[in-house]
C-alpha atoms as a PDB file:
ATOM      1  CA  MET A   1     -27.368 -13.173  10.805  1.00  0.00           C
ATOM      2  CA  PRO A   2     -24.619 -15.607   9.767  1.00  0.00           C
ATOM      3  CA  LEU A   3     -21.441 -15.677  11.850  1.00  0.00           C
ATOM      4  CA  VAL A   4     -18.251 -15.202   9.800  1.00  0.00           C
ATOM      5  CA  THR A   5     -14.778 -16.164  11.035  1.00  0.00           C
ATOM      6  CA  THR A   6     -11.767 -15.163   8.950  1.00  0.00           C
ATOM      7  CA  PRO A   7      -8.140 -14.026   9.239  1.00  0.00           C
ATOM      8  CA  ALA A   8      -8.083 -10.220   9.104  1.00  0.00           C
ATOM      9  CA  THR A   9      -5.741  -7.235   9.173  1.00  0.00           C
ATOM     10  CA  ILE A  10      -6.917  -4.000  10.771  1.00  0.00           C
ATOM     11  CA  LEU A  11      -6.335  -1.187   8.270  1.00  0.00           C
ATOM     12  CA  LYS A  12      -7.905   1.765  10.064  1.00  0.00           C
ATOM     13  CA  THR A  13      -9.982   2.511  13.140  1.00  0.00           C
ATOM     14  CA  TYR A  14     -12.539   5.213  13.907  1.00  0.00           C
ATOM     15  CA  GLU A  15     -14.015   6.254  17.215  1.00  0.00           C
ATOM     16  CA  TYR A  16     -17.764   5.644  17.354  1.00  0.00           C
ATOM     17  CA  SER A  17     -19.802   7.027  20.215  1.00  0.00           C
ATOM     18  CA  GLU A  18     -18.142   7.133  23.640  1.00  0.00           C
ATOM     19  CA  THR A  19     -17.579   3.413  23.896  1.00  0.00           C
ATOM     20  CA  SER A  20     -17.204   1.799  20.487  1.00  0.00           C
ATOM     21  CA  LYS A  21     -14.897   1.622  17.477  1.00  0.00           C
ATOM     22  CA  ILE A  22     -15.423   1.026  13.793  1.00  0.00           C
ATOM     23  CA  LEU A  23     -12.729  -1.068  12.152  1.00  0.00           C
ATOM     24  CA  ARG A  24     -11.863  -1.234   8.486  1.00  0.00           C
ATOM     25  CA  LEU A  25     -10.540  -4.718   7.820  1.00  0.00           C
ATOM     26  CA  LEU A  26      -8.921  -6.565   4.976  1.00  0.00           C
ATOM     27  CA  THR A  27      -9.999 -10.149   5.464  1.00  0.00           C
ATOM     28  CA  ARG A  28      -8.580 -13.227   3.818  1.00  0.00           C
ATOM     29  CA  ASP A  29     -11.980 -14.724   3.024  1.00  0.00           C
ATOM     30  CA  GLN A  30     -14.319 -11.737   2.583  1.00  0.00           C
ATOM     31  CA  GLY A  31     -12.121  -8.927   1.195  1.00  0.00           C
ATOM     32  CA  LEU A  32     -12.610  -5.414   2.557  1.00  0.00           C
ATOM     33  CA  CYS A  33     -15.255  -4.971   5.209  1.00  0.00           C
ATOM     34  CA  SER A  34     -16.237  -2.731   8.125  1.00  0.00           C
ATOM     35  CA  VAL A  35     -17.215  -3.913  11.594  1.00  0.00           C
ATOM     36  CA  ILE A  36     -18.283  -2.170  14.773  1.00  0.00           C
ATOM     37  CA  ALA A  37     -16.551  -3.267  17.975  1.00  0.00           C
ATOM     38  CA  LYS A  38     -19.067  -2.389  20.636  1.00  0.00           C
ATOM     39  CA  GLY A  39     -17.561  -1.393  23.962  1.00  0.00           C
ATOM     40  CA  ALA A  40     -14.007  -1.430  22.595  1.00  0.00           C
ATOM     41  CA  ARG A  41     -13.237   2.010  24.041  1.00  0.00           C
ATOM     42  CA  ARG A  42     -14.338   1.200  27.571  1.00  0.00           C
ATOM     43  CA  PRO A  43     -11.480   1.106  30.111  1.00  0.00           C
ATOM     44  CA  LYS A  44     -12.183  -2.539  30.948  1.00  0.00           C
ATOM     45  CA  SER A  45     -12.954  -3.674  27.411  1.00  0.00           C
ATOM     46  CA  ARG A  46     -12.131  -7.315  26.707  1.00  0.00           C
ATOM     47  CA  TYR A  47     -10.257  -6.100  23.635  1.00  0.00           C
ATOM     48  CA  GLY A  48      -7.869  -3.945  25.674  1.00  0.00           C
ATOM     49  CA  GLY A  49      -5.512  -2.140  23.273  1.00  0.00           C
ATOM     50  CA  LEU A  50      -5.777  -4.946  20.754  1.00  0.00           C
ATOM     51  CA  LEU A  51      -7.821  -3.272  18.023  1.00  0.00           C
ATOM     52  CA  GLU A  52      -5.191  -1.054  16.398  1.00  0.00           C
ATOM     53  CA  PRO A  53      -4.030  -0.574  12.781  1.00  0.00           C
ATOM     54  CA  PHE A  54      -1.571  -3.115  11.337  1.00  0.00           C
ATOM     55  CA  THR A  55      -2.742  -5.868  13.730  1.00  0.00           C
ATOM     56  CA  ASP A  56      -3.488  -9.367  12.401  1.00  0.00           C
ATOM     57  CA  GLY A  57      -6.035 -11.626  14.003  1.00  0.00           C
ATOM     58  CA  ILE A  58      -8.952 -13.975  13.554  1.00  0.00           C
ATOM     59  CA  ALA A  59     -12.061 -11.810  13.305  1.00  0.00           C
ATOM     60  CA  THR A  60     -15.475 -13.223  14.060  1.00  0.00           C
ATOM     61  CA  TYR A  61     -18.445 -11.033  13.213  1.00  0.00           C
ATOM     62  CA  TYR A  62     -22.158 -11.141  12.526  1.00  0.00           C
ATOM     63  CA  SER A  63     -22.661 -10.424   8.839  1.00  0.00           C
ATOM     64  CA  LYS A  64     -25.689  -8.318   7.982  1.00  0.00           C
ATOM     65  CA  GLU A  65     -26.820  -8.983   4.425  1.00  0.00           C
ATOM     66  CA  GLY A  66     -27.209  -5.819   2.398  1.00  0.00           C
ATOM     67  CA  ARG A  67     -25.384  -3.674   4.961  1.00  0.00           C
ATOM     68  CA  GLU A  68     -21.863  -2.284   4.926  1.00  0.00           C
ATOM     69  CA  LEU A  69     -21.318  -2.360   8.698  1.00  0.00           C
ATOM     70  CA  HIS A  70     -21.220  -5.664  10.561  1.00  0.00           C
ATOM     71  CA  THR A  71     -20.930  -6.403  14.287  1.00  0.00           C
ATOM     72  CA  LEU A  72     -17.680  -7.780  15.691  1.00  0.00           C
ATOM     73  CA  SER A  73     -18.103 -10.719  18.037  1.00  0.00           C
ATOM     74  CA  ASP A  74     -14.465 -11.608  18.715  1.00  0.00           C
ATOM     75  CA  PHE A  75     -10.926 -10.814  17.605  1.00  0.00           C
ATOM     76  CA  GLU A  76      -8.190 -13.340  18.393  1.00  0.00           C
ATOM     77  CA  LEU A  77      -4.715 -11.793  18.178  1.00  0.00           C
ATOM     78  CA  LEU A  78      -2.271 -13.411  15.780  1.00  0.00           C
ATOM     79  CA  ARG A  79       0.320 -10.665  15.241  1.00  0.00           C
ATOM     80  CA  GLU A  80       0.635  -7.153  16.602  1.00  0.00           C
ATOM     81  CA  ARG A  81       2.885  -4.626  14.918  1.00  0.00           C
ATOM     82  CA  GLN A  82       2.884  -1.889  17.549  1.00  0.00           C
ATOM     83  CA  SER A  83       6.639  -1.440  17.076  1.00  0.00           C
ATOM     84  CA  LEU A  84       5.833   0.437  13.846  1.00  0.00           C
ATOM     85  CA  GLY A  85       4.595   3.306  15.985  1.00  0.00           C
ATOM     86  CA  ARG A  86       8.020   3.756  17.568  1.00  0.00           C
ATOM     87  CA  GLU A  87       9.751   4.835  14.353  1.00  0.00           C
ATOM     88  CA  LEU A  88       8.229   7.469  12.082  1.00  0.00           C
ATOM     89  CA  LEU A  89       9.539   6.079   8.771  1.00  0.00           C
ATOM     90  CA  ARG A  90       8.340   2.519   9.417  1.00  0.00           C
ATOM     91  CA  PHE A  91       4.958   3.790  10.604  1.00  0.00           C
ATOM     92  CA  ALA A  92       4.613   5.920   7.462  1.00  0.00           C
ATOM     93  CA  GLY A  93       5.478   2.932   5.273  1.00  0.00           C
ATOM     94  CA  GLY A  94       2.843   0.781   6.937  1.00  0.00           C
ATOM     95  CA  GLY A  95       0.337   3.606   6.587  1.00  0.00           C
ATOM     96  CA  LEU A  96       1.080   3.927   2.875  1.00  0.00           C
ATOM     97  CA  LEU A  97       0.424   0.225   2.256  1.00  0.00           C
ATOM     98  CA  THR A  98      -2.830   0.179   4.213  1.00  0.00           C
ATOM     99  CA  GLU A  99      -4.112   3.418   2.672  1.00  0.00           C
ATOM    100  CA  ILE A 100      -3.615   2.042  -0.840  1.00  0.00           C
ATOM    101  CA  VAL A 101      -5.526  -1.103   0.101  1.00  0.00           C
ATOM    102  CA  LEU A 102      -8.334   0.970   1.606  1.00  0.00           C
ATOM    103  CA  ARG A 103      -8.602   2.992  -1.596  1.00  0.00           C
ATOM    104  CA  VAL A 104      -8.569   0.297  -4.268  1.00  0.00           C
ATOM    105  CA  ALA A 105      -8.803  -3.227  -2.846  1.00  0.00           C
ATOM    106  CA  PRO A 106     -11.864  -5.201  -3.966  1.00  0.00           C
ATOM    107  CA  SER A 107     -14.600  -6.251  -1.575  1.00  0.00           C
ATOM    108  CA  ALA A 108     -14.353  -9.755  -3.001  1.00  0.00           C
ATOM    109  CA  ARG A 109     -12.180 -12.505  -1.539  1.00  0.00           C
ATOM    110  CA  ASP A 110      -8.496 -12.201  -2.532  1.00  0.00           C
ATOM    111  CA  PRO A 111      -6.176 -14.351  -0.366  1.00  0.00           C
ATOM    112  CA  ASP A 112      -3.095 -13.414  -2.403  1.00  0.00           C
ATOM    113  CA  LEU A 113      -3.666  -9.719  -1.756  1.00  0.00           C
ATOM    114  CA  PHE A 114      -4.188 -10.419   1.942  1.00  0.00           C
ATOM    115  CA  ASP A 115      -0.889 -12.302   2.092  1.00  0.00           C
ATOM    116  CA  ARG A 116       0.907  -9.611   0.063  1.00  0.00           C
ATOM    117  CA  LEU A 117      -0.147  -6.904   2.510  1.00  0.00           C
ATOM    118  CA  GLY A 118       0.912  -9.028   5.470  1.00  0.00           C
ATOM    119  CA  ARG A 119       4.382  -9.598   4.021  1.00  0.00           C
ATOM    120  CA  GLY A 120       4.741  -5.888   3.333  1.00  0.00           C
ATOM    121  CA  LEU A 121       3.769  -4.911   6.879  1.00  0.00           C
ATOM    122  CA  ASP A 122       6.106  -7.533   8.333  1.00  0.00           C
ATOM    123  CA  ARG A 123       8.923  -6.083   6.285  1.00  0.00           C
ATOM    124  CA  MET A 124       8.193  -2.604   7.646  1.00  0.00           C
ATOM    125  CA  VAL A 125       8.748  -4.110  11.106  1.00  0.00           C
ATOM    126  CA  ASN A 126      11.793  -6.272  10.361  1.00  0.00           C
ATOM    127  CA  GLU A 127      13.788  -4.501   7.629  1.00  0.00           C
ATOM    128  CA  SER A 128      17.363  -3.957   8.808  1.00  0.00           C
ATOM    129  CA  THR A 129      19.117  -2.699   5.660  1.00  0.00           C
ATOM    130  CA  SER A 130      17.196   0.281   4.271  1.00  0.00           C
ATOM    131  CA  VAL A 131      13.660   1.055   5.384  1.00  0.00           C
ATOM    132  CA  GLU A 132      13.155   3.577   2.580  1.00  0.00           C
ATOM    133  CA  ILE A 133      14.099   1.100  -0.151  1.00  0.00           C
ATOM    134  CA  ALA A 134      11.865  -1.480   1.529  1.00  0.00           C
ATOM    135  CA  ILE A 135       8.943   0.957   1.444  1.00  0.00           C
ATOM    136  CA  LEU A 136       9.473   1.648  -2.266  1.00  0.00           C
ATOM    137  CA  GLU A 137       9.773  -2.039  -3.117  1.00  0.00           C
ATOM    138  CA  GLU A 138       6.803  -3.186  -1.056  1.00  0.00           C
ATOM    139  CA  THR A 139       4.577  -0.405  -2.361  1.00  0.00           C
ATOM    140  CA  TRP A 140       5.347  -1.283  -5.983  1.00  0.00           C
ATOM    141  CA  LYS A 141       4.733  -4.981  -5.219  1.00  0.00           C
ATOM    142  CA  LEU A 142       1.348  -4.133  -3.727  1.00  0.00           C
ATOM    143  CA  ILE A 143       0.435  -1.927  -6.671  1.00  0.00           C
ATOM    144  CA  ASP A 144       1.391  -4.708  -9.068  1.00  0.00           C
ATOM    145  CA  ARG A 145      -0.722  -7.225  -7.113  1.00  0.00           C
ATOM    146  CA  LEU A 146      -3.677  -4.845  -7.348  1.00  0.00           C
ATOM    147  CA  GLY A 147      -3.350  -5.004 -11.118  1.00  0.00           C
ATOM    148  CA  PHE A 148      -2.018  -1.645 -12.234  1.00  0.00           C
ATOM    149  CA  GLY A 149       1.756  -1.975 -12.004  1.00  0.00           C
ATOM    150  CA  PRO A 150       3.896   0.050 -14.443  1.00  0.00           C
ATOM    151  CA  HIS A 151       5.344  -1.253 -17.716  1.00  0.00           C
ATOM    152  CA  ILE A 152       8.987  -0.374 -18.289  1.00  0.00           C
ATOM    153  CA  GLU A 153      10.328  -3.131 -20.531  1.00  0.00           C
ATOM    154  CA  HIS A 154       9.300  -1.404 -23.759  1.00  0.00           C
ATOM    155  CA  CYS A 155       7.633   1.753 -25.023  1.00  0.00           C
ATOM    156  CA  SER A 156       3.960   1.653 -24.093  1.00  0.00           C
ATOM    157  CA  VAL A 157       3.012   3.303 -27.414  1.00  0.00           C
ATOM    158  CA  CYS A 158       5.095   1.647 -30.126  1.00  0.00           C
ATOM    159  CA  GLY A 159       6.423  -1.381 -28.270  1.00  0.00           C
ATOM    160  CA  GLU A 160      10.076  -0.672 -29.027  1.00  0.00           C
ATOM    161  CA  LEU A 161      12.732  -1.486 -26.457  1.00  0.00           C
ATOM    162  CA  PRO A 162      14.378   1.521 -24.789  1.00  0.00           C
ATOM    163  CA  VAL A 163      17.703   2.513 -26.351  1.00  0.00           C
ATOM    164  CA  ALA A 164      20.645   1.681 -24.089  1.00  0.00           C
ATOM    165  CA  ASN A 165      22.185   4.641 -22.253  1.00  0.00           C
ATOM    166  CA  GLN A 166      19.451   7.040 -23.323  1.00  0.00           C
ATOM    167  CA  SER A 167      16.899   8.746 -21.109  1.00  0.00           C
ATOM    168  CA  VAL A 168      13.236   7.833 -21.437  1.00  0.00           C
ATOM    169  CA  HIS A 169      10.008   9.408 -20.257  1.00  0.00           C
ATOM    170  CA  PHE A 170       7.517   7.806 -17.927  1.00  0.00           C
ATOM    171  CA  ASP A 171       3.895   8.488 -18.819  1.00  0.00           C
ATOM    172  CA  LEU A 172       2.049   8.717 -15.498  1.00  0.00           C
ATOM    173  CA  LEU A 173      -1.360   8.543 -17.127  1.00  0.00           C
ATOM    174  CA  GLY A 174      -0.471   5.611 -19.366  1.00  0.00           C
ATOM    175  CA  GLY A 175       1.458   3.809 -16.657  1.00  0.00           C
ATOM    176  CA  GLY A 176       4.610   3.062 -18.636  1.00  0.00           C
ATOM    177  CA  ILE A 177       7.649   4.426 -20.394  1.00  0.00           C
ATOM    178  CA  VAL A 178       7.555   6.118 -23.798  1.00  0.00           C
ATOM    179  CA  CYS A 179      10.455   6.511 -26.190  1.00  0.00           C
ATOM    180  CA  GLY A 180      11.612   9.828 -27.630  1.00  0.00           C
ATOM    181  CA  GLY A 181       9.738   9.259 -30.871  1.00  0.00           C
ATOM    182  CA  CYS A 182       6.435   8.713 -29.082  1.00  0.00           C
ATOM    183  CA  ARG A 183       6.627  11.583 -26.622  1.00  0.00           C
ATOM    184  CA  HIS A 184       4.081  13.528 -28.675  1.00  0.00           C
ATOM    185  CA  GLU A 185       1.507  10.790 -27.956  1.00  0.00           C
ATOM    186  CA  ALA A 186       1.471  11.755 -24.264  1.00  0.00           C
ATOM    187  CA  LYS A 187       0.763  15.156 -22.781  1.00  0.00           C
ATOM    188  CA  ALA A 188       3.839  16.801 -21.277  1.00  0.00           C
ATOM    189  CA  LEU A 189       1.910  17.273 -18.045  1.00  0.00           C
ATOM    190  CA  HIS A 190       1.896  13.519 -17.500  1.00  0.00           C
ATOM    191  CA  LEU A 191       5.562  12.858 -18.335  1.00  0.00           C
ATOM    192  CA  ARG A 192       8.496  12.363 -15.987  1.00  0.00           C
ATOM    193  CA  SER A 193      12.032  12.072 -17.344  1.00  0.00           C
ATOM    194  CA  LEU A 194      14.092   9.047 -16.288  1.00  0.00           C
ATOM    195  CA  THR A 195      17.829   8.764 -16.837  1.00  0.00           C
ATOM    196  CA  PRO A 196      19.231   5.325 -17.711  1.00  0.00           C
ATOM    197  CA  GLU A 197      20.351   4.978 -14.088  1.00  0.00           C
ATOM    198  CA  ALA A 198      16.899   5.907 -12.782  1.00  0.00           C
ATOM    199  CA  LEU A 199      15.240   3.436 -15.156  1.00  0.00           C
ATOM    200  CA  ALA A 200      17.594   0.663 -14.039  1.00  0.00           C
ATOM    201  CA  GLU A 201      16.913   1.396 -10.381  1.00  0.00           C
ATOM    202  CA  LEU A 202      13.163   1.459 -11.001  1.00  0.00           C
ATOM    203  CA  ALA A 203      13.483  -1.975 -12.610  1.00  0.00           C
ATOM    204  CA  ALA A 204      15.359  -3.185  -9.514  1.00  0.00           C
ATOM    205  CA  LEU A 205      12.602  -1.864  -7.253  1.00  0.00           C
ATOM    206  CA  LEU A 206       9.943  -3.604  -9.315  1.00  0.00           C
ATOM    207  CA  ASP A 207      11.688  -6.979  -9.260  1.00  0.00           C
ATOM    208  CA  GLY A 208      12.682  -6.693  -5.603  1.00  0.00           C
ATOM    209  CA  THR A 209      16.457  -6.594  -6.040  1.00  0.00           C
ATOM    210  CA  ALA A 210      17.112  -2.932  -5.161  1.00  0.00           C
ATOM    211  CA  ILE A 211      17.654  -3.743  -1.498  1.00  0.00           C
ATOM    212  CA  GLN A 212      20.794  -5.664  -2.420  1.00  0.00           C
ATOM    213  CA  ALA A 213      22.502  -2.381  -3.318  1.00  0.00           C
ATOM    214  CA  ARG A 214      21.656  -0.966   0.169  1.00  0.00           C
ATOM    215  CA  ARG A 215      21.218   2.492  -1.357  1.00  0.00           C
ATOM    216  CA  LEU A 216      19.689   4.124  -4.423  1.00  0.00           C
ATOM    217  CA  ALA A 217      21.542   6.823  -6.346  1.00  0.00           C
ATOM    218  CA  THR A 218      18.192   8.143  -7.617  1.00  0.00           C
ATOM    219  CA  VAL A 219      16.163   7.727  -4.430  1.00  0.00           C
ATOM    220  CA  ARG A 220      14.487  11.140  -4.638  1.00  0.00           C
ATOM    221  CA  VAL A 221      13.489  10.518  -8.273  1.00  0.00           C
ATOM    222  CA  GLN A 222      12.073   7.117  -7.292  1.00  0.00           C
ATOM    223  CA  ARG A 223      10.159   8.574  -4.374  1.00  0.00           C
ATOM    224  CA  ASP A 224       8.678  11.363  -6.490  1.00  0.00           C
ATOM    225  CA  LEU A 225       7.744   8.946  -9.288  1.00  0.00           C
ATOM    226  CA  LEU A 226       5.966   6.610  -6.889  1.00  0.00           C
ATOM    227  CA  ARG A 227       4.149   9.536  -5.250  1.00  0.00           C
ATOM    228  CA  ASP A 228       2.933  10.865  -8.611  1.00  0.00           C
ATOM    229  CA  PHE A 229       2.029   7.415  -9.944  1.00  0.00           C
ATOM    230  CA  ILE A 230      -0.115   6.733  -6.887  1.00  0.00           C
ATOM    231  CA  ALA A 231      -1.724  10.159  -7.171  1.00  0.00           C
ATOM    232  CA  TYR A 232      -2.716   9.481 -10.794  1.00  0.00           C
ATOM    233  CA  HIS A 233      -3.966   5.941 -10.315  1.00  0.00           C
ATOM    234  CA  VAL A 234      -5.275   5.863  -6.741  1.00  0.00           C
ATOM    235  CA  ALA A 235      -6.037   9.338  -5.404  1.00  0.00           C
ATOM    236  CA  ASP A 236      -7.553  11.530  -8.140  1.00  0.00           C
ATOM    237  CA  HIS A 237      -4.257  13.291  -8.899  1.00  0.00           C
ATOM    238  CA  ARG A 238      -3.620  14.191  -5.259  1.00  0.00           C
ATOM    239  CA  PRO A 239      -0.882  12.701  -3.056  1.00  0.00           C
ATOM    240  CA  LEU A 240      -2.118  10.282  -0.430  1.00  0.00           C
ATOM    241  CA  ASN A 241      -2.132  11.589   3.123  1.00  0.00           C
ATOM    242  CA  SER A 242       0.262   8.824   4.166  1.00  0.00           C
ATOM    243  CA  PHE A 243       2.713   9.815   1.436  1.00  0.00           C
ATOM    244  CA  ARG A 244       2.833  13.348   2.770  1.00  0.00           C
ATOM    245  CA  PHE A 245       3.541  11.846   6.175  1.00  0.00           C
ATOM    246  CA  LEU A 246       6.255   9.645   4.667  1.00  0.00           C
ATOM    247  CA  GLU A 247       7.999  12.568   3.017  1.00  0.00           C
ATOM    248  CA  GLY A 248       7.877  14.467   6.301  1.00  0.00           C
ATOM    249  CA  GLY A 249       9.643  11.561   7.970  1.00  0.00           C
ATOM    250  CA  LEU A 250      12.440  11.711   5.403  1.00  0.00           C
ATOM    251  CA  GLU A 251      13.255  15.378   5.890  1.00  0.00           C
END
C-alpha cells in the first residue's frame, strides 16, 4: 500500500467502534477522501483532541487501491480552528462551507478549491465587521469555484441587460436572472423576485465588496436566495442541515 502525504482539512468526523474515528478530508493533492484513525478515541491517543472538523494539517495515510477508506498513519497539525465552536454563527458558517464541499467537491486533485475553502474557514475565524455578510460572501465564492455560480449580468434566456431601476426574477433552476419578457420561460415555482437594491447587493456579495458596506439592506432576501439556490443545486431541493443551523443562530 503506497503511503500518501498531503495537506488536508478535516471536514467531518464519525465515531467508529469504541476506539477509532473516520475522517472525511479535503486534501490538496488527492481531493476528497476518507481515512480511519485507529485508536483516535482512546484517552491516551497520540492524536489527543487534534482530529476535529475545520482543522488543517499534513495527513499521511496508507492508500488502498480500489477502496474508499484508507488508514491514517499521522496527522501533523498546521492550523486549528477550535474558536469557531465558541460562537454559534461562526460555527454555522464553517459548517455550511464544509457541508457544500462534502456534497459536491470532486475526488480529483484541486489545489485551488482546497485553498478557497481554507480562506473561507479562516475568515469565519477572523472576521471582525459582519460575520453574516462574510458567510454569504464566502459561500458564494465557494459555489463559484465549484463551477455553478449564478449569472446576474444579463437575462439567462435572451441575453438582454436588466433594465435599470426595475425588479428582475432569479430563476433558481436556471441559475440566473430572467427579465420580465422571459418570465414565461421559467416555471413560477423556481422564480424569486429581486428588487434593484437586492440585485445590486447580490452583485456586491458575488464580487466580494458587500463587506465594505458593513450591513445589507436586503440581508433576509440574500439569505433566503442563497438557501434556496443551494437546495436546488446541491441538496435535491432540500435545505442543507448546516443552513438550518445557521438560520437558528440568526434568530
